[in-house]
Structures are given as structure tokens and as C-alpha cells.
Amino acid sequence: MNTKPIGVFDSGIGGLTILKEMIELLPNENFIYFGDTARIPYGTRSKETVKRYTFECLDFLVSKGVKALVIACNSATASALEEAKERYDVPVFGVIKPGAAAAVKSTQNKQIGIIATKRTITSGAYQKEILKSDNRIEVVGKACPLFVQIAEEGWGDSDVAYLTAKKYLIDIKDHHIDTLVLGCTHYPLLRYTIEKVVGENVRLVNPAFETAKVLKGYLKDNEFLNEQEILGRQSFFVSDDIENFKSIGQTFLQRNIENIKQVYPDKGEFKLKQ
């Protein structure tokens, strides 16, 4: 048994959709969440910048004595996961490989769509993982940047969301996909709107849920599970305004958020704001 917390990092708020899935699957685990809200979005930045930001945030979580790291950000996973695995002495998990594996398992006609940020689509990370498993699969990707703002405004089931989804997804629908990966942590909040647009015959894959399953399996197999018979605790750190994170984040996490502290970057390290 290992009672140390699990560190969860995201470029901002979207990673709370992954934390939500992990809390439900691993209710006894303690979690420390870091949202780099001062420097969001990562999805439009260069690979080198995303890597630098990611390592600064992961260094902070490691300093808190975590037993595992989850990069709950598709852009950061695409840019920095492999180097992060070599950099840290604790296991590091990303969101892309679990989502890609679920998509391969789901598809019947070998036509898979990926929607994500520009950085994730440009990286080709999902495409590479899917084709590793089956090079006969056709993968079509589409960047949908406005979905992030729509999710954070709480408009996931609005007319604005529906019209935006129709515009973004028209090309993907022409490929007759039967599986669509929600390749950004914000996108599960638009799930029902996206389902309306793509139709009931297209299965949506949520990498957040798939990542939580992979994490649970690893902890169980390696006897790292926290088996104390009490509910785990969650603590939160952000690099910008606490109140904005709290008001929007509670919608993503679907529960009250307490115990939030603000930090600031100083020469490549994060320090608590006094």
C-alpha cells in the first residue's frame, strides 16, 4: 500500500475532467492538482515552450512527494511525455496512448476522427499511436480551438456550441468515421452537443476515462493503491486567479473545490504566493 498523493498537471482547468474520472475510480486516493492557469493555452504554443512549462509544473508536483504523475493535458502529453518518463523517478502517465488504444478497439470500419487543439493535431501524436496498432486505419484530425472557450463559459449544450460543432465537424463526417476521440480535456463538456452533430452511430472516446482506468490498473498491479478505508483528499494549486479557477472548475469537476493555493513562477520554479 502507498498513501502518497498522485500529482495531476494540466495547462489550466480542463484536466479537472480527468481528475473527476480518477476520483470516481480511485475514491481512496489523495490527489494534488496543478493548473498552470497563468500561461494557458498551451495548444497554440511551440513544442519547446510547452515542454519547458510542463517540466516546471511537474517539478513542482514532484517536490510535493507524489507517487505518480498524470499529464492531464493533450498538448503537454504530445510534446513532453517521453522526456518526462526519463526525467522523473515516479511513473508518468499521459492521456494520448489510453485514448488511442480505446479508439482502435472501438472502430469497426477503421475510420477514426480526432478533435483536439492545434498543437495536439499538428503533433500527430494520436495518429501515430493509432497507426502503431493498426496501419490500415484511416485517421482524420481536426483542430477545434473554440470548444475550449465554449466549455469554460458553460455553454456546452447551447446553440452556440451546436453551430460551432457543425462547422468544425462537417469535414470529419464526410470521412464516414465510426469513432471520434475527444482529444482535449475540455471537450467532454460538449459531449452531448457533439453527439447530436456526428450522430448516434459514431462512438465518442473520452481519453479522461481511459487514462483513469490505466492509472488504476498500474497502481493495483504494483501494489501502489491507497487502501485506507477513508475518502481521499484533493488539494489544488494554480498560477493565476483562484476565484476564476474555482468558479469554472466546479463545473468541470462537478463538485465543490476547496483548498486552493496560488503560486507564481520564479526563475523556472513555482513558489507560494504570500
C-alpha atoms as a PDB file:
ATOM      1  CA  MET A   1       0.000   0.000   0.000  1.00  0.00           C
ATOM      2  CA  ASN A   2       1.158   3.540  -0.772  1.00  0.00           C
ATOM      3  CA  THR A   3      -0.677   6.532   0.741  1.00  0.00           C
ATOM      4  CA  LYS A   4       1.324   9.232  -1.061  1.00  0.00           C
ATOM      5  CA  PRO A   5      -0.714  11.548  -3.324  1.00  0.00           C
ATOM      6  CA  ILE A   6      -0.984  11.382  -7.098  1.00  0.00           C
ATOM      7  CA  GLY A   7       0.094  14.520  -8.942  1.00  0.00           C
ATOM      8  CA  VAL A   8      -2.130  15.754 -11.766  1.00  0.00           C
ATOM      9  CA  PHE A   9      -0.967  18.519 -14.087  1.00  0.00           C
ATOM     10  CA  ASP A  10      -2.861  20.483 -16.712  1.00  0.00           C
ATOM     11  CA  SER A  11      -2.285  23.724 -18.567  1.00  0.00           C
ATOM     12  CA  GLY A  12      -5.370  25.104 -16.845  1.00  0.00           C
ATOM     13  CA  ILE A  13      -8.834  23.877 -15.948  1.00  0.00           C
ATOM     14  CA  GLY A  14      -9.616  21.152 -18.487  1.00  0.00           C
ATOM     15  CA  GLY A  15      -7.626  18.489 -16.651  1.00  0.00           C
ATOM     16  CA  LEU A  16     -10.304  18.528 -13.970  1.00  0.00           C
ATOM     17  CA  THR A  17     -12.363  16.293 -16.276  1.00  0.00           C
ATOM     18  CA  ILE A  18      -9.616  13.682 -15.878  1.00  0.00           C
ATOM     19  CA  LEU A  19      -9.352  14.267 -12.131  1.00  0.00           C
ATOM     20  CA  LYS A  20     -13.123  13.699 -11.916  1.00  0.00           C
ATOM     21  CA  GLU A  21     -12.786  10.277 -13.541  1.00  0.00           C
ATOM     22  CA  MET A  22      -9.853   9.352 -11.297  1.00  0.00           C
ATOM     23  CA  ILE A  23     -11.692  10.339  -8.117  1.00  0.00           C
ATOM     24  CA  GLU A  24     -14.634   8.158  -9.145  1.00  0.00           C
ATOM     25  CA  LEU A  25     -12.426   5.145  -9.956  1.00  0.00           C
ATOM     26  CA  LEU A  26      -9.983   5.693  -7.077  1.00  0.00           C
ATOM     27  CA  PRO A  27     -12.010   7.288  -4.258  1.00  0.00           C
ATOM     28  CA  ASN A  28      -9.429   6.486  -1.538  1.00  0.00           C
ATOM     29  CA  GLU A  29      -6.514   8.138  -3.334  1.00  0.00           C
ATOM     30  CA  ASN A  30      -5.191  11.595  -2.479  1.00  0.00           C
ATOM     31  CA  PHE A  31      -4.614  13.973  -5.388  1.00  0.00           C
ATOM     32  CA  ILE A  32      -2.654  17.178  -5.881  1.00  0.00           C
ATOM     33  CA  TYR A  33      -3.783  19.137  -8.948  1.00  0.00           C
ATOM     34  CA  PHE A  34      -1.694  21.842 -10.597  1.00  0.00           C
ATOM     35  CA  GLY A  35      -3.312  24.123 -13.164  1.00  0.00           C
ATOM     36  CA  ASP A  36      -0.948  26.496 -14.984  1.00  0.00           C
ATOM     37  CA  THR A  37      -3.745  28.991 -15.485  1.00  0.00           C
ATOM     38  CA  ALA A  38      -1.436  31.980 -15.921  1.00  0.00           C
ATOM     39  CA  ARG A  39       0.043  30.560 -19.128  1.00  0.00           C
ATOM     40  CA  ILE A  40      -2.930  28.865 -20.743  1.00  0.00           C
ATOM     41  CA  PRO A  41      -3.433  27.996 -23.590  1.00  0.00           C
ATOM     42  CA  TYR A  42      -0.648  25.517 -24.345  1.00  0.00           C
ATOM     43  CA  GLY A  43      -2.343  24.341 -27.534  1.00  0.00           C
ATOM     44  CA  THR A  44      -1.181  27.318 -29.605  1.00  0.00           C
ATOM     45  CA  ARG A  45       2.419  27.409 -28.333  1.00  0.00           C
ATOM     46  CA  SER A  46       5.603  25.858 -29.748  1.00  0.00           C
ATOM     47  CA  LYS A  47       6.705  22.391 -28.709  1.00  0.00           C
ATOM     48  CA  GLU A  48       9.772  23.710 -26.868  1.00  0.00           C
ATOM     49  CA  THR A  49       7.718  26.216 -24.888  1.00  0.00           C
ATOM     50  CA  VAL A  50       5.170  23.565 -23.931  1.00  0.00           C
ATOM     51  CA  LYS A  51       7.970  21.244 -22.784  1.00  0.00           C
ATOM     52  CA  ARG A  52       9.560  23.935 -20.632  1.00  0.00           C
ATOM     53  CA  TYR A  53       6.263  24.856 -18.987  1.00  0.00           C
ATOM     54  CA  THR A  54       5.387  21.197 -18.466  1.00  0.00           C
ATOM     55  CA  PHE A  55       8.653  20.335 -16.703  1.00  0.00           C
ATOM     56  CA  GLU A  56       8.376  23.383 -14.441  1.00  0.00           C
ATOM     57  CA  CYS A  57       4.910  22.245 -13.357  1.00  0.00           C
ATOM     58  CA  LEU A  58       5.876  18.584 -12.950  1.00  0.00           C
ATOM     59  CA  ASP A  59       8.955  19.590 -10.914  1.00  0.00           C
ATOM     60  CA  PHE A  60       6.611  21.396  -8.539  1.00  0.00           C
ATOM     61  CA  LEU A  61       4.379  18.344  -8.124  1.00  0.00           C
ATOM     62  CA  VAL A  62       7.362  16.045  -7.576  1.00  0.00           C
ATOM     63  CA  SER A  63       8.519  18.383  -4.790  1.00  0.00           C
ATOM     64  CA  LYS A  64       5.236  17.552  -3.024  1.00  0.00           C
ATOM     65  CA  GLY A  65       6.198  13.887  -2.716  1.00  0.00           C
ATOM     66  CA  VAL A  66       3.789  12.345  -5.218  1.00  0.00           C
ATOM     67  CA  LYS A  67       3.867   8.623  -6.061  1.00  0.00           C
ATOM     68  CA  ALA A  68       2.797   9.103  -9.702  1.00  0.00           C
ATOM     69  CA  LEU A  69       2.309  11.900 -12.236  1.00  0.00           C
ATOM     70  CA  VAL A  70      -0.568  12.293 -14.674  1.00  0.00           C
ATOM     71  CA  ILE A  71      -0.143  14.799 -17.508  1.00  0.00           C
ATOM     72  CA  ALA A  72      -3.811  15.650 -17.901  1.00  0.00           C
ATOM     73  CA  CYS A  73      -3.231  17.785 -20.977  1.00  0.00           C
ATOM     74  CA  ASN A  74      -3.152  16.511 -24.549  1.00  0.00           C
ATOM     75  CA  SER A  75      -0.800  19.241 -25.781  1.00  0.00           C
ATOM     76  CA  ALA A  76       1.685  18.612 -22.958  1.00  0.00           C
ATOM     77  CA  THR A  77       1.418  14.833 -23.411  1.00  0.00           C
ATOM     78  CA  ALA A  78       2.159  15.168 -27.121  1.00  0.00           C
ATOM     79  CA  SER A  79       5.161  17.424 -26.517  1.00  0.00           C
ATOM     80  CA  ALA A  80       6.774  16.166 -23.318  1.00  0.00           C
ATOM     81  CA  LEU A  81       5.589  12.725 -22.143  1.00  0.00           C
ATOM     82  CA  GLU A  82       8.522  10.621 -23.306  1.00  0.00           C
ATOM     83  CA  GLU A  83      11.117  13.011 -21.867  1.00  0.00           C
ATOM     84  CA  ALA A  84       9.129  13.269 -18.646  1.00  0.00           C
ATOM     85  CA  LYS A  85       9.276   9.489 -18.205  1.00  0.00           C
ATOM     86  CA  GLU A  86      13.073   9.681 -18.356  1.00  0.00           C
ATOM     87  CA  ARG A  87      13.305  12.772 -16.162  1.00  0.00           C
ATOM     88  CA  TYR A  88      11.395  11.566 -13.085  1.00  0.00           C
ATOM     89  CA  ASP A  89      11.762   8.613 -10.733  1.00  0.00           C
ATOM     90  CA  VAL A  90       7.988   8.150 -10.413  1.00  0.00           C
ATOM     91  CA  PRO A  91       5.699   6.693 -13.114  1.00  0.00           C
ATOM     92  CA  VAL A  92       4.328   9.271 -15.564  1.00  0.00           C
ATOM     93  CA  PHE A  93       1.070   8.828 -17.465  1.00  0.00           C
ATOM     94  CA  GLY A  94      -0.293  10.777 -20.413  1.00  0.00           C
ATOM     95  CA  VAL A  95      -3.753  10.901 -21.956  1.00  0.00           C
ATOM     96  CA  ILE A  96      -2.991  10.107 -25.597  1.00  0.00           C
ATOM     97  CA  LYS A  97      -1.983   6.444 -25.520  1.00  0.00           C
ATOM     98  CA  PRO A  98      -5.057   5.304 -23.491  1.00  0.00           C
ATOM     99  CA  GLY A  99      -7.389   7.293 -25.763  1.00  0.00           C
ATOM    100  CA  ALA A 100      -5.767   5.942 -28.925  1.00  0.00           C
ATOM    101  CA  ALA A 101      -5.965   2.353 -27.669  1.00  0.00           C
ATOM    102  CA  ALA A 102      -9.665   2.729 -26.881  1.00  0.00           C
ATOM    103  CA  ALA A 103     -10.300   4.188 -30.351  1.00  0.00           C
ATOM    104  CA  VAL A 104      -8.576   1.255 -32.069  1.00  0.00           C
ATOM    105  CA  LYS A 105     -10.665  -1.167 -30.021  1.00  0.00           C
ATOM    106  CA  SER A 106     -13.861   0.737 -30.844  1.00  0.00           C
ATOM    107  CA  THR A 107     -13.661   1.168 -34.609  1.00  0.00           C
ATOM    108  CA  GLN A 108     -15.336  -1.343 -36.901  1.00  0.00           C
ATOM    109  CA  ASN A 109     -14.821   0.354 -40.259  1.00  0.00           C
ATOM    110  CA  LYS A 110     -11.274   1.606 -39.483  1.00  0.00           C
ATOM    111  CA  GLN A 111     -12.255   5.254 -39.846  1.00  0.00           C
ATOM    112  CA  ILE A 112     -11.339   7.307 -36.762  1.00  0.00           C
ATOM    113  CA  GLY A 113     -11.666  11.032 -36.175  1.00  0.00           C
ATOM    114  CA  ILE A 114      -9.613  13.100 -33.719  1.00  0.00           C
ATOM    115  CA  ILE A 115     -10.668  16.527 -32.475  1.00  0.00           C
ATOM    116  CA  ALA A 116      -8.172  18.452 -30.358  1.00  0.00           C
ATOM    117  CA  THR A 117      -6.154  21.656 -30.072  1.00  0.00           C
ATOM    118  CA  LYS A 118      -3.941  22.825 -32.913  1.00  0.00           C
ATOM    119  CA  ARG A 119      -0.766  21.694 -31.039  1.00  0.00           C
ATOM    120  CA  THR A 120      -2.104  18.178 -30.499  1.00  0.00           C
ATOM    121  CA  ILE A 121      -3.324  17.782 -34.085  1.00  0.00           C
ATOM    122  CA  THR A 122      -0.092  19.180 -35.535  1.00  0.00           C
ATOM    123  CA  SER A 123       1.986  16.811 -33.406  1.00  0.00           C
ATOM    124  CA  GLY A 124       0.275  13.805 -34.983  1.00  0.00           C
ATOM    125  CA  ALA A 125       0.520  12.044 -31.597  1.00  0.00           C
ATOM    126  CA  TYR A 126      -2.882  10.354 -31.738  1.00  0.00           C
ATOM    127  CA  GLN A 127      -2.397   9.379 -35.357  1.00  0.00           C
ATOM    128  CA  LYS A 128       0.977   7.777 -34.592  1.00  0.00           C
ATOM    129  CA  GLU A 129      -0.359   5.786 -31.632  1.00  0.00           C
ATOM    130  CA  ILE A 130      -3.361   4.537 -33.589  1.00  0.00           C
ATOM    131  CA  LEU A 131      -1.311   3.509 -36.630  1.00  0.00           C
ATOM    132  CA  LYS A 132       1.159   1.645 -34.395  1.00  0.00           C
ATOM    133  CA  SER A 133      -1.699  -0.690 -33.521  1.00  0.00           C
ATOM    134  CA  ASP A 134      -3.228  -0.961 -36.993  1.00  0.00           C
ATOM    135  CA  ASN A 135      -1.758   0.760 -40.041  1.00  0.00           C
ATOM    136  CA  ARG A 136      -4.902   0.020 -42.036  1.00  0.00           C
ATOM    137  CA  ILE A 137      -6.861   2.586 -40.054  1.00  0.00           C
ATOM    138  CA  GLU A 138      -7.546   5.968 -41.620  1.00  0.00           C
ATOM    139  CA  VAL A 139      -7.283   8.812 -39.117  1.00  0.00           C
ATOM    140  CA  VAL A 140      -8.589  12.304 -39.774  1.00  0.00           C
ATOM    141  CA  GLY A 141      -7.795  15.138 -37.367  1.00  0.00           C
ATOM    142  CA  LYS A 142      -9.449  18.497 -36.813  1.00  0.00           C
ATOM    143  CA  ALA A 143      -8.411  21.359 -34.540  1.00  0.00           C
ATOM    144  CA  CYS A 144     -11.411  22.830 -32.700  1.00  0.00           C
ATOM    145  CA  PRO A 145      -9.978  25.702 -30.624  1.00  0.00           C
ATOM    146  CA  LEU A 146     -13.289  27.485 -29.920  1.00  0.00           C
ATOM    147  CA  PHE A 147     -14.554  24.455 -27.992  1.00  0.00           C
ATOM    148  CA  VAL A 148     -12.223  25.456 -25.134  1.00  0.00           C
ATOM    149  CA  GLN A 149     -13.798  28.872 -24.664  1.00  0.00           C
ATOM    150  CA  ILE A 150     -17.304  27.466 -25.072  1.00  0.00           C
ATOM    151  CA  ALA A 151     -16.660  24.876 -22.354  1.00  0.00           C
ATOM    152  CA  GLU A 152     -15.226  27.458 -19.960  1.00  0.00           C
ATOM    153  CA  GLU A 153     -18.236  29.722 -20.494  1.00  0.00           C
ATOM    154  CA  GLY A 154     -20.511  26.842 -19.541  1.00  0.00           C
ATOM    155  CA  TRP A 155     -22.132  26.824 -22.992  1.00  0.00           C
ATOM    156  CA  GLY A 156     -21.551  23.155 -23.786  1.00  0.00           C
ATOM    157  CA  ASP A 157     -25.210  22.448 -24.532  1.00  0.00           C
ATOM    158  CA  SER A 158     -26.062  25.769 -26.199  1.00  0.00           C
ATOM    159  CA  ASP A 159     -26.975  26.836 -29.724  1.00  0.00           C
ATOM    160  CA  VAL A 160     -23.535  28.448 -29.984  1.00  0.00           C
ATOM    161  CA  ALA A 161     -21.885  25.102 -29.231  1.00  0.00           C
ATOM    162  CA  TYR A 162     -24.128  23.268 -31.703  1.00  0.00           C
ATOM    163  CA  LEU A 163     -23.454  25.659 -34.586  1.00  0.00           C
ATOM    164  CA  THR A 164     -19.712  25.667 -33.865  1.00  0.00           C
ATOM    165  CA  ALA A 165     -19.633  21.861 -33.763  1.00  0.00           C
ATOM    166  CA  LYS A 166     -21.496  21.639 -37.088  1.00  0.00           C
ATOM    167  CA  LYS A 167     -18.918  23.942 -38.677  1.00  0.00           C
ATOM    168  CA  TYR A 168     -15.910  22.107 -37.257  1.00  0.00           C
ATOM    169  CA  LEU A 169     -17.128  18.561 -37.839  1.00  0.00           C
ATOM    170  CA  ILE A 170     -18.544  18.750 -41.358  1.00  0.00           C
ATOM    171  CA  ASP A 171     -15.240  17.574 -42.916  1.00  0.00           C
ATOM    172  CA  ILE A 172     -14.805  14.724 -40.440  1.00  0.00           C
ATOM    173  CA  LYS A 173     -18.339  13.480 -41.069  1.00  0.00           C
ATOM    174  CA  ASP A 174     -17.536  13.218 -44.795  1.00  0.00           C
ATOM    175  CA  HIS A 175     -14.976  10.518 -43.931  1.00  0.00           C
ATOM    176  CA  HIS A 176     -17.737   8.286 -42.510  1.00  0.00           C
ATOM    177  CA  ILE A 177     -15.962   7.775 -39.198  1.00  0.00           C
ATOM    178  CA  ASP A 178     -17.467   5.402 -36.655  1.00  0.00           C
ATOM    179  CA  THR A 179     -15.255   6.569 -33.748  1.00  0.00           C
ATOM    180  CA  LEU A 180     -14.361  10.077 -32.598  1.00  0.00           C
ATOM    181  CA  VAL A 181     -11.708  10.830 -29.973  1.00  0.00           C
ATOM    182  CA  LEU A 182     -12.308  13.854 -27.746  1.00  0.00           C
ATOM    183  CA  GLY A 183      -8.637  14.818 -27.779  1.00  0.00           C
ATOM    184  CA  CYS A 184      -8.823  17.819 -25.468  1.00  0.00           C
ATOM    185  CA  THR A 185      -9.751  17.745 -21.799  1.00  0.00           C
ATOM    186  CA  HIS A 186     -12.374  20.460 -22.287  1.00  0.00           C
ATOM    187  CA  TYR A 187     -14.304  18.557 -24.930  1.00  0.00           C
ATOM    188  CA  PRO A 188     -16.196  16.086 -22.678  1.00  0.00           C
ATOM    189  CA  LEU A 189     -18.243  19.089 -21.525  1.00  0.00           C
ATOM    190  CA  LEU A 190     -19.574  19.353 -25.098  1.00  0.00           C
ATOM    191  CA  ARG A 191     -20.174  15.621 -25.395  1.00  0.00           C
ATOM    192  CA  TYR A 192     -23.934  15.744 -25.885  1.00  0.00           C
ATOM    193  CA  THR A 193     -23.701  18.543 -28.435  1.00  0.00           C
ATOM    194  CA  ILE A 194     -21.008  16.680 -30.369  1.00  0.00           C
ATOM    195  CA  GLU A 195     -23.155  13.521 -30.301  1.00  0.00           C
ATOM    196  CA  LYS A 196     -26.034  15.462 -31.846  1.00  0.00           C
ATOM    197  CA  VAL A 197     -23.802  16.594 -34.703  1.00  0.00           C
ATOM    198  CA  VAL A 198     -21.991  13.332 -35.516  1.00  0.00           C
ATOM    199  CA  GLY A 199     -24.981  11.053 -34.904  1.00  0.00           C
ATOM    200  CA  GLU A 200     -25.653   8.048 -32.721  1.00  0.00           C
ATOM    201  CA  ASN A 201     -23.635   5.665 -34.926  1.00  0.00           C
ATOM    202  CA  VAL A 202     -20.359   7.370 -34.015  1.00  0.00           C
ATOM    203  CA  ARG A 203     -18.844   6.287 -30.703  1.00  0.00           C
ATOM    204  CA  LEU A 204     -17.153   9.039 -28.712  1.00  0.00           C
ATOM    205  CA  VAL A 205     -13.949   8.082 -26.911  1.00  0.00           C
ATOM    206  CA  ASN A 206     -13.130  10.059 -23.762  1.00  0.00           C
ATOM    207  CA  PRO A 207      -9.377   9.762 -23.016  1.00  0.00           C
ATOM    208  CA  ALA A 208     -10.040  11.068 -19.493  1.00  0.00           C
ATOM    209  CA  PHE A 209     -11.906   7.894 -18.545  1.00  0.00           C
ATOM    210  CA  GLU A 210      -9.426   5.668 -20.371  1.00  0.00           C
ATOM    211  CA  THR A 211      -6.472   7.305 -18.580  1.00  0.00           C
ATOM    212  CA  ALA A 212      -8.115   6.803 -15.192  1.00  0.00           C
ATOM    213  CA  LYS A 213      -8.527   3.091 -15.978  1.00  0.00           C
ATOM    214  CA  VAL A 214      -4.865   2.745 -16.967  1.00  0.00           C
ATOM    215  CA  LEU A 215      -3.740   4.512 -13.783  1.00  0.00           C
ATOM    216  CA  LYS A 216      -5.893   2.276 -11.589  1.00  0.00           C
ATOM    217  CA  GLY A 217      -4.546  -0.833 -13.293  1.00  0.00           C
ATOM    218  CA  TYR A 218      -0.953   0.263 -12.752  1.00  0.00           C
ATOM    219  CA  LEU A 219      -1.470   1.097  -9.080  1.00  0.00           C
ATOM    220  CA  LYS A 220      -3.201  -2.222  -8.469  1.00  0.00           C
ATOM    221  CA  ASP A 221      -0.613  -4.309 -10.312  1.00  0.00           C
ATOM    222  CA  ASN A 222       2.270  -2.640  -8.465  1.00  0.00           C
ATOM    223  CA  GLU A 223       0.603  -2.619  -5.019  1.00  0.00           C
ATOM    224  CA  PHE A 224       0.584   1.201  -5.035  1.00  0.00           C
ATOM    225  CA  LEU A 225      -3.107   1.563  -4.200  1.00  0.00           C
ATOM    226  CA  ASN A 226      -4.099   3.578  -1.145  1.00  0.00           C
ATOM    227  CA  GLU A 227      -6.220   1.020   0.696  1.00  0.00           C
ATOM    228  CA  GLN A 228      -7.106   3.151   3.698  1.00  0.00           C
ATOM    229  CA  GLU A 229     -10.852   2.969   4.235  1.00  0.00           C
ATOM    230  CA  ILE A 230     -11.367   6.722   4.088  1.00  0.00           C
ATOM    231  CA  LEU A 231     -12.130   9.008   1.178  1.00  0.00           C
ATOM    232  CA  GLY A 232      -9.099  10.654  -0.345  1.00  0.00           C
ATOM    233  CA  ARG A 233      -8.349  14.371  -0.238  1.00  0.00           C
ATOM    234  CA  GLN A 234      -7.781  16.786  -3.105  1.00  0.00           C
ATOM    235  CA  SER A 235      -5.633  19.905  -2.984  1.00  0.00           C
ATOM    236  CA  PHE A 236      -5.213  22.419  -5.780  1.00  0.00           C
ATOM    237  CA  PHE A 237      -2.520  24.828  -6.937  1.00  0.00           C
ATOM    238  CA  VAL A 238      -2.935  27.414  -9.701  1.00  0.00           C
ATOM    239  CA  SER A 239      -0.621  30.011 -11.212  1.00  0.00           C
ATOM    240  CA  ASP A 240      -3.296  32.686 -11.635  1.00  0.00           C
ATOM    241  CA  ASP A 241      -6.569  33.884 -10.088  1.00  0.00           C
ATOM    242  CA  ILE A 242      -8.032  31.428  -7.566  1.00  0.00           C
ATOM    243  CA  GLU A 243     -11.641  32.598  -7.799  1.00  0.00           C
ATOM    244  CA  ASN A 244     -11.827  32.223 -11.574  1.00  0.00           C
ATOM    245  CA  PHE A 245     -10.413  28.694 -11.341  1.00  0.00           C
ATOM    246  CA  LYS A 246     -12.876  27.814  -8.597  1.00  0.00           C
ATOM    247  CA  SER A 247     -15.978  29.170 -10.344  1.00  0.00           C
ATOM    248  CA  ILE A 248     -15.267  27.479 -13.672  1.00  0.00           C
ATOM    249  CA  GLY A 249     -13.544  24.412 -12.238  1.00  0.00           C
ATOM    250  CA  GLN A 250     -16.501  23.323 -10.141  1.00  0.00           C
ATOM    251  CA  THR A 251     -18.450  22.844 -13.373  1.00  0.00           C
ATOM    252  CA  PHE A 252     -15.681  20.645 -14.769  1.00  0.00           C
ATOM    253  CA  LEU A 253     -15.173  18.620 -11.581  1.00  0.00           C
ATOM    254  CA  GLN A 254     -18.899  18.547 -10.724  1.00  0.00           C
ATOM    255  CA  ARG A 255     -18.191  19.081  -7.038  1.00  0.00           C
ATOM    256  CA  ASN A 256     -17.120  21.901  -4.757  1.00  0.00           C
ATOM    257  CA  ILE A 257     -13.461  22.858  -4.928  1.00  0.00           C
ATOM    258  CA  GLU A 258     -11.716  23.852  -1.705  1.00  0.00           C
ATOM    259  CA  ASN A 259      -8.100  24.049  -0.542  1.00  0.00           C
ATOM    260  CA  ILE A 260      -6.773  26.126  -3.463  1.00  0.00           C
ATOM    261  CA  LYS A 261      -3.447  27.945  -3.281  1.00  0.00           C
ATOM    262  CA  GLN A 262      -1.831  30.281  -5.782  1.00  0.00           C
ATOM    263  CA  VAL A 263       1.812  30.000  -6.846  1.00  0.00           C
ATOM    264  CA  TYR A 264       3.972  32.113  -9.130  1.00  0.00           C
ATOM    265  CA  PRO A 265       6.926  31.277 -11.376  1.00  0.00           C
ATOM    266  CA  ASP A 266      10.328  32.495 -10.227  1.00  0.00           C
ATOM    267  CA  LYS A 267      13.424  31.562 -12.244  1.00  0.00           C
ATOM    268  CA  GLY A 268      11.865  28.338 -13.507  1.00  0.00           C
ATOM    269  CA  GLU A 269      10.384  27.327 -10.135  1.00  0.00           C
ATOM    270  CA  PHE A 270       6.955  27.859  -8.615  1.00  0.00           C
ATOM    271  CA  LYS A 271       6.660  29.465  -5.201  1.00  0.00           C
ATOM    272  CA  LEU A 272       3.632  30.007  -2.990  1.00  0.00           C
ATOM    273  CA  LYS A 273       2.078  33.434  -3.214  1.00  0.00           C
ATOM    274  CA  GLN A 274       2.004  35.028   0.227  1.00  0.00           C
END
